[in-house]
Structures are given as structure tokens and as C-alpha cells.
Amino acid sequence: MRILRISDHKGQFSLDGVNYRELDLLVKDDIIKLIDRVINGDTEMDVFDEEKIQHPAHKIIYRNLYNKLLALSADKERFKEESNEMYREAIAKYKVQMEN
């Protein structure tokens, strides 16, 4: 699913891979959903190209968001493993309690 794209010289994002909105409409909840999509799914993004984005705000937002999501995507397996390890004891403890 493509979550970031460059279209009509503007940066756009999508939470479903179908409907796109311009980056200046991005809110905190959208960022959280994008992060979730990167961690839990197969996502694609247009490569940041400063020449293709003419809107100054979109250029800044796209560059930063693209770099952060790209880094997260590269480290998502390590991130999942660390998260699972962090909560392994609690999961095991409550699983035993639920079975009894």
C-alpha cells in the first residue's frame, strides 16, 4: 500500500492506499496511523525528490516524514522484537492468570 506519494508537485499521504490528502492536512492521529501501517504492513512511499515538490511546506513535511518512516521501516523487525521482549513477562503472567 502506497502511503506517501508525490502528485501534481505536492506531497500527499494515504491511510488506505486509495484516498490521498495533501500533507498540510496531516494531523497527529494520521501520523500515528501511518506509523502503525509501516510497522504492521507492507507499505510503499515515493522517494523524496526536492525537485518534484514545489509547495514549500509539503517539501519540508515530506522530507522529514519520509526519512522517519523509512528509518522505522528499516528497523521494524528490531522494534517488534524489543517491544515483545519488553512485555514478555507481563503477557506470560496474565496468560497464566487467565488460564486459571
PDB file of N, CA and C in Angstrom:
ATOM      1  N   MET A   1       0.848  -1.170   0.000  1.00  0.00           N
ATOM      2  CA  MET A   1       0.000   0.000   0.000  1.00  0.00           C
ATOM      3  C   MET A   1       0.900   1.242   0.000  1.00  0.00           C
ATOM      4  N   ARG A   2       0.640   2.154  -0.906  1.00  0.00           N
ATOM      5  CA  ARG A   2       1.411   3.399  -1.009  1.00  0.00           C
ATOM      6  C   ARG A   2       0.834   4.399   0.000  1.00  0.00           C
ATOM      7  N   ILE A   3       1.680   4.816   0.960  1.00  0.00           N
ATOM      8  CA  ILE A   3       1.222   5.745   1.992  1.00  0.00           C
ATOM      9  C   ILE A   3       1.694   7.174   1.753  1.00  0.00           C
ATOM     10  N   LEU A   4       2.773   7.342   0.986  1.00  0.00           N
ATOM     11  CA  LEU A   4       3.261   8.681   0.630  1.00  0.00           C
ATOM     12  C   LEU A   4       3.512   8.724  -0.866  1.00  0.00           C
ATOM     13  N   ARG A   5       3.062   9.804  -1.480  1.00  0.00           N
ATOM     14  CA  ARG A   5       3.322   9.956  -2.907  1.00  0.00           C
ATOM     15  C   ARG A   5       3.497  11.429  -3.243  1.00  0.00           C
ATOM     16  N   ILE A   6       4.095  11.650  -4.396  1.00  0.00           N
ATOM     17  CA  ILE A   6       4.237  12.998  -4.932  1.00  0.00           C
ATOM     18  C   ILE A   6       3.354  13.056  -6.171  1.00  0.00           C
ATOM     19  N   SER A   7       2.407  13.986  -6.158  1.00  0.00           N
ATOM     20  CA  SER A   7       1.475  14.112  -7.265  1.00  0.00           C
ATOM     21  C   SER A   7       1.159  15.584  -7.474  1.00  0.00           C
ATOM     22  N   ASP A   8       1.145  16.020  -8.708  1.00  0.00           N
ATOM     23  CA  ASP A   8       0.861  17.430  -9.035  1.00  0.00           C
ATOM     24  C   ASP A   8       1.796  18.378  -8.291  1.00  0.00           C
ATOM     25  N   HIS A   9       3.045  17.962  -8.127  1.00  0.00           N
ATOM     26  CA  HIS A   9       4.081  18.765  -7.464  1.00  0.00           C
ATOM     27  C   HIS A   9       3.787  19.027  -5.989  1.00  0.00           C
ATOM     28  N   LYS A  10       2.987  18.167  -5.381  1.00  0.00           N
ATOM     29  CA  LYS A  10       2.648  18.279  -3.960  1.00  0.00           C
ATOM     30  C   LYS A  10       2.839  16.926  -3.293  1.00  0.00           C
ATOM     31  N   GLY A  11       3.122  16.968  -1.996  1.00  0.00           N
ATOM     32  CA  GLY A  11       3.213  15.742  -1.222  1.00  0.00           C
ATOM     33  C   GLY A  11       1.838  15.344  -0.735  1.00  0.00           C
ATOM     34  N   GLN A  12       1.563  14.037  -0.796  1.00  0.00           N
ATOM     35  CA  GLN A  12       0.275  13.522  -0.350  1.00  0.00           C
ATOM     36  C   GLN A  12       0.477  12.272   0.483  1.00  0.00           C
ATOM     37  N   PHE A  13      -0.494  12.003   1.372  1.00  0.00           N
ATOM     38  CA  PHE A  13      -0.448  10.797   2.182  1.00  0.00           C
ATOM     39  C   PHE A  13      -1.775  10.066   2.074  1.00  0.00           C
ATOM     40  N   SER A  14      -1.733   8.775   2.381  1.00  0.00           N
ATOM     41  CA  SER A  14      -2.942   7.958   2.362  1.00  0.00           C
ATOM     42  C   SER A  14      -2.898   6.981   3.526  1.00  0.00           C
ATOM     43  N   LEU A  15      -4.044   6.782   4.139  1.00  0.00           N
ATOM     44  CA  LEU A  15      -4.157   5.813   5.228  1.00  0.00           C
ATOM     45  C   LEU A  15      -4.713   4.480   4.736  1.00  0.00           C
ATOM     46  N   ASP A  16      -5.248   4.484   3.502  1.00  0.00           N
ATOM     47  CA  ASP A  16      -5.835   3.265   2.958  1.00  0.00           C
ATOM     48  C   ASP A  16      -5.281   2.870   1.587  1.00  0.00           C
ATOM     49  N   GLY A  17      -4.369   3.652   1.046  1.00  0.00           N
ATOM     50  CA  GLY A  17      -3.800   3.355  -0.255  1.00  0.00           C
ATOM     51  C   GLY A  17      -4.679   3.751  -1.425  1.00  0.00           C
ATOM     52  N   VAL A  18      -5.839   4.341  -1.138  1.00  0.00           N
ATOM     53  CA  VAL A  18      -6.780   4.728  -2.191  1.00  0.00           C
ATOM     54  C   VAL A  18      -7.038   6.229  -2.166  1.00  0.00           C
ATOM     55  N   ASN A  19      -7.415   6.728  -1.010  1.00  0.00           N
ATOM     56  CA  ASN A  19      -7.747   8.143  -0.844  1.00  0.00           C
ATOM     57  C   ASN A  19      -6.524   8.899  -0.345  1.00  0.00           C
ATOM     58  N   TYR A  20      -6.155   9.944  -1.070  1.00  0.00           N
ATOM     59  CA  TYR A  20      -4.970  10.733  -0.725  1.00  0.00           C
ATOM     60  C   TYR A  20      -5.369  12.144  -0.330  1.00  0.00           C
ATOM     61  N   ARG A  21      -4.646  12.679   0.660  1.00  0.00           N
ATOM     62  CA  ARG A  21      -4.832  14.069   1.092  1.00  0.00           C
ATOM     63  C   ARG A  21      -3.475  14.747   1.080  1.00  0.00           C
ATOM     64  N   GLU A  22      -3.502  16.055   0.940  1.00  0.00           N
ATOM     65  CA  GLU A  22      -2.251  16.806   0.918  1.00  0.00           C
ATOM     66  C   GLU A  22      -1.624  16.837   2.304  1.00  0.00           C
ATOM     67  N   LEU A  23      -0.304  16.902   2.324  1.00  0.00           N
ATOM     68  CA  LEU A  23       0.448  16.804   3.577  1.00  0.00           C
ATOM     69  C   LEU A  23       0.167  17.923   4.567  1.00  0.00           C
ATOM     70  N   ASP A  24      -0.250  19.086   4.102  1.00  0.00           N
ATOM     71  CA  ASP A  24      -0.524  20.164   5.052  1.00  0.00           C
ATOM     72  C   ASP A  24      -1.817  19.914   5.838  1.00  0.00           C
ATOM     73  N   LEU A  25      -2.555  18.846   5.518  1.00  0.00           N
ATOM     74  CA  LEU A  25      -3.752  18.466   6.263  1.00  0.00           C
ATOM     75  C   LEU A  25      -3.463  17.353   7.273  1.00  0.00           C
ATOM     76  N   LEU A  26      -2.230  16.919   7.348  1.00  0.00           N
ATOM     77  CA  LEU A  26      -1.799  15.844   8.237  1.00  0.00           C
ATOM     78  C   LEU A  26      -1.934  16.271   9.699  1.00  0.00           C
ATOM     79  N   VAL A  27      -2.536  15.401  10.523  1.00  0.00           N
ATOM     80  CA  VAL A  27      -2.671  15.654  11.960  1.00  0.00           C
ATOM     81  C   VAL A  27      -2.007  14.514  12.729  1.00  0.00           C
ATOM     82  N   LYS A  28      -1.902  14.692  14.039  1.00  0.00           N
ATOM     83  CA  LYS A  28      -1.211  13.726  14.890  1.00  0.00           C
ATOM     84  C   LYS A  28      -1.769  12.306  14.732  1.00  0.00           C
ATOM     85  N   ASP A  29      -3.078  12.155  14.714  1.00  0.00           N
ATOM     86  CA  ASP A  29      -3.676  10.828  14.578  1.00  0.00           C
ATOM     87  C   ASP A  29      -3.304  10.175  13.244  1.00  0.00           C
ATOM     88  N   ASP A  30      -3.195  10.976  12.199  1.00  0.00           N
ATOM     89  CA  ASP A  30      -2.773  10.445  10.894  1.00  0.00           C
ATOM     90  C   ASP A  30      -1.344   9.914  10.966  1.00  0.00           C
ATOM     91  N   ILE A  31      -0.473  10.630  11.652  1.00  0.00           N
ATOM     92  CA  ILE A  31       0.924  10.195  11.789  1.00  0.00           C
ATOM     93  C   ILE A  31       0.989   8.876  12.543  1.00  0.00           C
ATOM     94  N   ILE A  32       0.205   8.750  13.598  1.00  0.00           N
ATOM     95  CA  ILE A  32       0.170   7.500  14.371  1.00  0.00           C
ATOM     96  C   ILE A  32      -0.303   6.352  13.492  1.00  0.00           C
ATOM     97  N   LYS A  33      -1.317   6.593  12.679  1.00  0.00           N
ATOM     98  CA  LYS A  33      -1.822   5.553  11.779  1.00  0.00           C
ATOM     99  C   LYS A  33      -0.790   5.191  10.710  1.00  0.00           C
ATOM    100  N   LEU A  34      -0.055   6.171  10.210  1.00  0.00           N
ATOM    101  CA  LEU A  34       0.999   5.890   9.233  1.00  0.00           C
ATOM    102  C   LEU A  34       2.096   5.037   9.861  1.00  0.00           C
ATOM    103  N   ILE A  35       2.475   5.367  11.081  1.00  0.00           N
ATOM    104  CA  ILE A  35       3.490   4.581  11.795  1.00  0.00           C
ATOM    105  C   ILE A  35       3.010   3.147  11.969  1.00  0.00           C
ATOM    106  N   ASP A  36       1.744   2.987  12.360  1.00  0.00           N
ATOM    107  CA  ASP A  36       1.170   1.651  12.527  1.00  0.00           C
ATOM    108  C   ASP A  36       1.198   0.877  11.215  1.00  0.00           C
ATOM    109  N   ARG A  37       0.879   1.539  10.119  1.00  0.00           N
ATOM    110  CA  ARG A  37       0.896   0.885   8.800  1.00  0.00           C
ATOM    111  C   ARG A  37       2.315   0.414   8.454  1.00  0.00           C
ATOM    112  N   VAL A  38       3.305   1.245   8.753  1.00  0.00           N
ATOM    113  CA  VAL A  38       4.693   0.878   8.445  1.00  0.00           C
ATOM    114  C   VAL A  38       5.131  -0.317   9.288  1.00  0.00           C
ATOM    115  N   ILE A  39       4.783  -0.312  10.566  1.00  0.00           N
ATOM    116  CA  ILE A  39       5.212  -1.390  11.458  1.00  0.00           C
ATOM    117  C   ILE A  39       4.492  -2.696  11.149  1.00  0.00           C
ATOM    118  N   ASN A  40       3.205  -2.623  10.844  1.00  0.00           N
ATOM    119  CA  ASN A  40       2.400  -3.839  10.716  1.00  0.00           C
ATOM    120  C   ASN A  40       2.036  -4.238   9.296  1.00  0.00           C
ATOM    121  N   GLY A  41       2.468  -3.495   8.321  1.00  0.00           N
ATOM    122  CA  GLY A  41       2.057  -3.838   6.964  1.00  0.00           C
ATOM    123  C   GLY A  41       3.146  -3.659   5.941  1.00  0.00           C
ATOM    124  N   ASP A  42       2.755  -3.895   4.714  1.00  0.00           N
ATOM    125  CA  ASP A  42       3.649  -3.727   3.579  1.00  0.00           C
ATOM    126  C   ASP A  42       3.327  -2.384   2.938  1.00  0.00           C
ATOM    127  N   THR A  43       4.194  -1.416   3.134  1.00  0.00           N
ATOM    128  CA  THR A  43       3.923  -0.061   2.653  1.00  0.00           C
ATOM    129  C   THR A  43       4.964   0.376   1.635  1.00  0.00           C
ATOM    130  N   GLU A  44       4.569   1.340   0.817  1.00  0.00           N
ATOM    131  CA  GLU A  44       5.453   1.925  -0.177  1.00  0.00           C
ATOM    132  C   GLU A  44       5.369   3.440  -0.057  1.00  0.00           C
ATOM    133  N   MET A  45       6.448   4.097  -0.476  1.00  0.00           N
ATOM    134  CA  MET A  45       6.488   5.560  -0.479  1.00  0.00           C
ATOM    135  C   MET A  45       7.255   6.016  -1.698  1.00  0.00           C
ATOM    136  N   ASP A  46       6.792   7.074  -2.336  1.00  0.00           N
ATOM    137  CA  ASP A  46       7.591   7.684  -3.399  1.00  0.00           C
ATOM    138  C   ASP A  46       8.856   8.246  -2.765  1.00  0.00           C
ATOM    139  N   VAL A  47       9.974   8.052  -3.416  1.00  0.00           N
ATOM    140  CA  VAL A  47      11.249   8.567  -2.917  1.00  0.00           C
ATOM    141  C   VAL A  47      11.199  10.091  -2.901  1.00  0.00           C
ATOM    142  N   PHE A  48      11.709  10.668  -1.824  1.00  0.00           N
ATOM    143  CA  PHE A  48      11.726  12.125  -1.724  1.00  0.00           C
ATOM    144  C   PHE A  48      12.603  12.704  -2.816  1.00  0.00           C
ATOM    145  N   ASP A  49      12.048  13.641  -3.560  1.00  0.00           N
ATOM    146  CA  ASP A  49      12.774  14.339  -4.620  1.00  0.00           C
ATOM    147  C   ASP A  49      12.413  15.813  -4.518  1.00  0.00           C
ATOM    148  N   GLU A  50      13.355  16.583  -4.057  1.00  0.00           N
ATOM    149  CA  GLU A  50      13.133  18.006  -3.809  1.00  0.00           C
ATOM    150  C   GLU A  50      12.653  18.741  -5.062  1.00  0.00           C
ATOM    151  N   GLU A  51      13.083  18.290  -6.214  1.00  0.00           N
ATOM    152  CA  GLU A  51      12.710  18.949  -7.473  1.00  0.00           C
ATOM    153  C   GLU A  51      11.248  18.696  -7.844  1.00  0.00           C
ATOM    154  N   LYS A  52      10.698  17.576  -7.413  1.00  0.00           N
ATOM    155  CA  LYS A  52       9.325  17.220  -7.787  1.00  0.00           C
ATOM    156  C   LYS A  52       8.274  17.905  -6.930  1.00  0.00           C
ATOM    157  N   ILE A  53       8.650  18.351  -5.739  1.00  0.00           N
ATOM    158  CA  ILE A  53       7.690  19.003  -4.835  1.00  0.00           C
ATOM    159  C   ILE A  53       7.958  20.499  -4.864  1.00  0.00           C
ATOM    160  N   GLN A  54       6.979  21.252  -5.301  1.00  0.00           N
ATOM    161  CA  GLN A  54       7.163  22.697  -5.404  1.00  0.00           C
ATOM    162  C   GLN A  54       6.581  23.460  -4.212  1.00  0.00           C
ATOM    163  N   HIS A  55       5.606  22.884  -3.552  1.00  0.00           N
ATOM    164  CA  HIS A  55       4.992  23.536  -2.394  1.00  0.00           C
ATOM    165  C   HIS A  55       5.990  23.493  -1.231  1.00  0.00           C
ATOM    166  N   PRO A  56       6.434  24.656  -0.719  1.00  0.00           N
ATOM    167  CA  PRO A  56       7.496  24.680   0.307  1.00  0.00           C
ATOM    168  C   PRO A  56       7.163  23.891   1.574  1.00  0.00           C
ATOM    169  N   ALA A  57       5.944  24.018   2.069  1.00  0.00           N
ATOM    170  CA  ALA A  57       5.568  23.297   3.292  1.00  0.00           C
ATOM    171  C   ALA A  57       5.541  21.793   3.031  1.00  0.00           C
ATOM    172  N   HIS A  58       5.026  21.391   1.889  1.00  0.00           N
ATOM    173  CA  HIS A  58       4.972  19.969   1.545  1.00  0.00           C
ATOM    174  C   HIS A  58       6.377  19.396   1.440  1.00  0.00           C
ATOM    175  N   LYS A  59       7.287  20.179   0.922  1.00  0.00           N
ATOM    176  CA  LYS A  59       8.675  19.733   0.763  1.00  0.00           C
ATOM    177  C   LYS A  59       9.283  19.408   2.129  1.00  0.00           C
ATOM    178  N   ILE A  60       9.086  20.286   3.084  1.00  0.00           N
ATOM    179  CA  ILE A  60       9.643  20.087   4.439  1.00  0.00           C
ATOM    180  C   ILE A  60       8.971  18.897   5.119  1.00  0.00           C
ATOM    181  N   ILE A  61       7.647  18.858   5.062  1.00  0.00           N
ATOM    182  CA  ILE A  61       6.904  17.777   5.723  1.00  0.00           C
ATOM    183  C   ILE A  61       7.250  16.440   5.088  1.00  0.00           C
ATOM    184  N   TYR A  62       7.244  16.381   3.762  1.00  0.00           N
ATOM    185  CA  TYR A  62       7.506  15.125   3.066  1.00  0.00           C
ATOM    186  C   TYR A  62       8.904  14.618   3.387  1.00  0.00           C
ATOM    187  N   ARG A  63       9.897  15.490   3.304  1.00  0.00           N
ATOM    188  CA  ARG A  63      11.278  15.079   3.574  1.00  0.00           C
ATOM    189  C   ARG A  63      11.397  14.482   4.970  1.00  0.00           C
ATOM    190  N   ASN A  64      10.881  15.171   5.973  1.00  0.00           N
ATOM    191  CA  ASN A  64      11.001  14.692   7.351  1.00  0.00           C
ATOM    192  C   ASN A  64      10.201  13.414   7.586  1.00  0.00           C
ATOM    193  N   LEU A  65       8.980  13.388   7.114  1.00  0.00           N
ATOM    194  CA  LEU A  65       8.135  12.212   7.307  1.00  0.00           C
ATOM    195  C   LEU A  65       8.707  11.009   6.555  1.00  0.00           C
ATOM    196  N   TYR A  66       9.135  11.222   5.336  1.00  0.00           N
ATOM    197  CA  TYR A  66       9.720  10.143   4.528  1.00  0.00           C
ATOM    198  C   TYR A  66      10.948   9.555   5.229  1.00  0.00           C
ATOM    199  N   ASN A  67      11.845  10.407   5.693  1.00  0.00           N
ATOM    200  CA  ASN A  67      13.065   9.914   6.352  1.00  0.00           C
ATOM    201  C   ASN A  67      12.754   9.151   7.632  1.00  0.00           C
ATOM    202  N   LYS A  68      11.818   9.647   8.425  1.00  0.00           N
ATOM    203  CA  LYS A  68      11.461   8.968   9.681  1.00  0.00           C
ATOM    204  C   LYS A  68      10.783   7.625   9.405  1.00  0.00           C
ATOM    205  N   LEU A  69       9.837   7.601   8.461  1.00  0.00           N
ATOM    206  CA  LEU A  69       9.140   6.356   8.158  1.00  0.00           C
ATOM    207  C   LEU A  69      10.071   5.350   7.487  1.00  0.00           C
ATOM    208  N   LEU A  70      10.993   5.821   6.683  1.00  0.00           N
ATOM    209  CA  LEU A  70      11.972   4.936   6.049  1.00  0.00           C
ATOM    210  C   LEU A  70      12.869   4.288   7.100  1.00  0.00           C
ATOM    211  N   ALA A  71      13.318   5.075   8.068  1.00  0.00           N
ATOM    212  CA  ALA A  71      14.150   4.538   9.151  1.00  0.00           C
ATOM    213  C   ALA A  71      13.362   3.535   9.992  1.00  0.00           C
ATOM    214  N   LEU A  72      12.109   3.852  10.269  1.00  0.00           N
ATOM    215  CA  LEU A  72      11.260   2.942  11.040  1.00  0.00           C
ATOM    216  C   LEU A  72      11.058   1.642  10.273  1.00  0.00           C
ATOM    217  N   SER A  73      10.820   1.739   8.985  1.00  0.00           N
ATOM    218  CA  SER A  73      10.619   0.552   8.162  1.00  0.00           C
ATOM    219  C   SER A  73      11.866  -0.337   8.174  1.00  0.00           C
ATOM    220  N   ALA A  74      13.025   0.266   8.113  1.00  0.00           N
ATOM    221  CA  ALA A  74      14.275  -0.491   8.132  1.00  0.00           C
ATOM    222  C   ALA A  74      14.493  -1.195   9.465  1.00  0.00           C
ATOM    223  N   ASP A  75      14.005  -0.602  10.538  1.00  0.00           N
ATOM    224  CA  ASP A  75      14.209  -1.155  11.880  1.00  0.00           C
ATOM    225  C   ASP A  75      12.966  -1.808  12.466  1.00  0.00           C
ATOM    226  N   LYS A  76      11.932  -2.044  11.663  1.00  0.00           N
ATOM    227  CA  LYS A  76      10.675  -2.503  12.240  1.00  0.00           C
ATOM    228  C   LYS A  76      10.783  -3.880  12.891  1.00  0.00           C
ATOM    229  N   GLU A  77      11.599  -4.777  12.353  1.00  0.00           N
ATOM    230  CA  GLU A  77      11.752  -6.091  12.982  1.00  0.00           C
ATOM    231  C   GLU A  77      12.421  -5.962  14.348  1.00  0.00           C
ATOM    232  N   ARG A  78      13.458  -5.141  14.417  1.00  0.00           N
ATOM    233  CA  ARG A  78      14.126  -4.914  15.701  1.00  0.00           C
ATOM    234  C   ARG A  78      13.161  -4.265  16.679  1.00  0.00           C
ATOM    235  N   PHE A  79      12.372  -3.315  16.206  1.00  0.00           N
ATOM    236  CA  PHE A  79      11.389  -2.626  17.041  1.00  0.00           C
ATOM    237  C   PHE A  79      10.342  -3.611  17.580  1.00  0.00           C
ATOM    238  N   LYS A  80       9.848  -4.503  16.726  1.00  0.00           N
ATOM    239  CA  LYS A  80       8.870  -5.505  17.161  1.00  0.00           C
ATOM    240  C   LYS A  80       9.467  -6.428  18.213  1.00  0.00           C
ATOM    241  N   GLU A  81      10.708  -6.875  17.969  1.00  0.00           N
ATOM    242  CA  GLU A  81      11.366  -7.775  18.917  1.00  0.00           C
ATOM    243  C   GLU A  81      11.574  -7.106  20.269  1.00  0.00           C
ATOM    244  N   GLU A  82      12.009  -5.845  20.257  1.00  0.00           N
ATOM    245  CA  GLU A  82      12.207  -5.122  21.510  1.00  0.00           C
ATOM    246  C   GLU A  82      10.884  -4.928  22.240  1.00  0.00           C
ATOM    247  N   SER A  83       9.827  -4.624  21.519  1.00  0.00           N
ATOM    248  CA  SER A  83       8.510  -4.448  22.131  1.00  0.00           C
ATOM    249  C   SER A  83       8.024  -5.758  22.741  1.00  0.00           C
ATOM    250  N   ASN A  84       8.174  -6.848  21.999  1.00  0.00           N
ATOM    251  CA  ASN A  84       7.759  -8.151  22.521  1.00  0.00           C
ATOM    252  C   ASN A  84       8.558  -8.523  23.758  1.00  0.00           C
ATOM    253  N   GLU A  85       9.859  -8.284  23.738  1.00  0.00           N
ATOM    254  CA  GLU A  85      10.707  -8.595  24.886  1.00  0.00           C
ATOM    255  C   GLU A  85      10.311  -7.768  26.106  1.00  0.00           C
ATOM    256  N   MET A  86      10.003  -6.502  25.869  1.00  0.00           N
ATOM    257  CA  MET A  86       9.642  -5.600  26.961  1.00  0.00           C
ATOM    258  C   MET A  86       8.378  -6.076  27.684  1.00  0.00           C
ATOM    259  N   TYR A  87       7.441  -6.636  26.940  1.00  0.00           N
ATOM    260  CA  TYR A  87       6.159  -7.025  27.529  1.00  0.00           C
ATOM    261  C   TYR A  87       6.008  -8.537  27.711  1.00  0.00           C
ATOM    262  N   ARG A  88       7.078  -9.288  27.438  1.00  0.00           N
ATOM    263  CA  ARG A  88       7.008 -10.748  27.525  1.00  0.00           C
ATOM    264  C   ARG A  88       6.586 -11.230  28.917  1.00  0.00           C
ATOM    265  N   GLU A  89       7.176 -10.672  29.970  1.00  0.00           N
ATOM    266  CA  GLU A  89       6.843 -11.082  31.334  1.00  0.00           C
ATOM    267  C   GLU A  89       5.383 -10.811  31.655  1.00  0.00           C
ATOM    268  N   ALA A  90       4.913  -9.622  31.319  1.00  0.00           N
ATOM    269  CA  ALA A  90       3.521  -9.269  31.609  1.00  0.00           C
ATOM    270  C   ALA A  90       2.555 -10.167  30.841  1.00  0.00           C
ATOM    271  N   ILE A  91       2.863 -10.439  29.590  1.00  0.00           N
ATOM    272  CA  ILE A  91       1.999 -11.305  28.785  1.00  0.00           C
ATOM    273  C   ILE A  91       1.948 -12.700  29.393  1.00  0.00           C
ATOM    274  N   ALA A  92       3.098 -13.231  29.769  1.00  0.00           N
ATOM    275  CA  ALA A  92       3.147 -14.568  30.367  1.00  0.00           C
ATOM    276  C   ALA A  92       2.407 -14.593  31.698  1.00  0.00           C
ATOM    277  N   LYS A  93       2.589 -13.580  32.510  1.00  0.00           N
ATOM    278  CA  LYS A  93       1.945 -13.517  33.826  1.00  0.00           C
ATOM    279  C   LYS A  93       0.431 -13.502  33.679  1.00  0.00           C
ATOM    280  N   TYR A  94      -0.095 -12.649  32.829  1.00  0.00           N
ATOM    281  CA  TYR A  94      -1.539 -12.537  32.679  1.00  0.00           C
ATOM    282  C   TYR A  94      -2.132 -13.711  31.924  1.00  0.00           C
ATOM    283  N   LYS A  95      -1.360 -14.337  31.077  1.00  0.00           N
ATOM    284  CA  LYS A  95      -1.833 -15.522  30.368  1.00  0.00           C
ATOM    285  C   LYS A  95      -2.048 -16.651  31.359  1.00  0.00           C
ATOM    286  N   VAL A  96      -1.103 -16.828  32.290  1.00  0.00           N
ATOM    287  CA  VAL A  96      -1.237 -17.876  33.318  1.00  0.00           C
ATOM    288  C   VAL A  96      -2.439 -17.575  34.188  1.00  0.00           C
ATOM    289  N   GLN A  97      -2.645 -16.328  34.574  1.00  0.00           N
ATOM    290  CA  GLN A  97      -3.772 -15.951  35.415  1.00  0.00           C
ATOM    291  C   GLN A  97      -5.097 -16.191  34.689  1.00  0.00           C
ATOM    292  N   MET A  98      -5.160 -15.942  33.407  1.00  0.00           N
ATOM    293  CA  MET A  98      -6.381 -16.127  32.633  1.00  0.00           C
ATOM    294  C   MET A  98      -6.727 -17.612  32.495  1.00  0.00           C
ATOM    295  N   GLU A  99      -5.701 -18.459  32.446  1.00  0.00           N
ATOM    296  CA  GLU A  99      -5.927 -19.898  32.274  1.00  0.00           C
ATOM    297  C   GLU A  99      -6.421 -20.527  33.567  1.00  0.00           C
ATOM    298  N   ASN A 100      -6.109 -19.924  34.706  1.00  0.00           N
ATOM    299  CA  ASN A 100      -6.524 -20.488  36.000  1.00  0.00           C
ATOM    300  C   ASN A 100      -7.894 -20.094  36.389  1.00  0.00           C
TER     301      ASN A 100
END
